[in-house]
Amino acid sequence: MLVKAHRVRLSLTQEALAERANISTDMVSKIEGGNSGARFGVITRLAEALGVDPAELFTPDLPSGQLQRPAFTEITSKIAGLSDDDLQWLQDLLEVALSRR
């Protein structure tokens, strides 16, 4: 993930990012070092703390803010707390809905 690149761009310390995202400094360090995967809720909090869309934490090909659309952000926030089973159900639902386009 590109958490460190966005954190450095904003001149934030790991401690400051952890405080903004309401996670531990140790978690930030592990995520930046690739020693820990982050669940969707943590990714969402990090993205909000960094002022980027969650997708921007995974690819350098998106200019900062490209996906910052109100509807997308609202949907992302709503699904952040869903269980894995609920996320799978939602993914299946989206695939059916979008296949009709």
Foldseek 3Di string as FASTA:
>chain_A
DQLVVLCVVVPHDLCRLCVQLVHDSVVSVCVVVVNDDDALLSLLSSCVSSVADSVVSPDVPDDGPPPPDVVVNVVSVVCSPDDPVVVVVVVVVVVVVVVVD
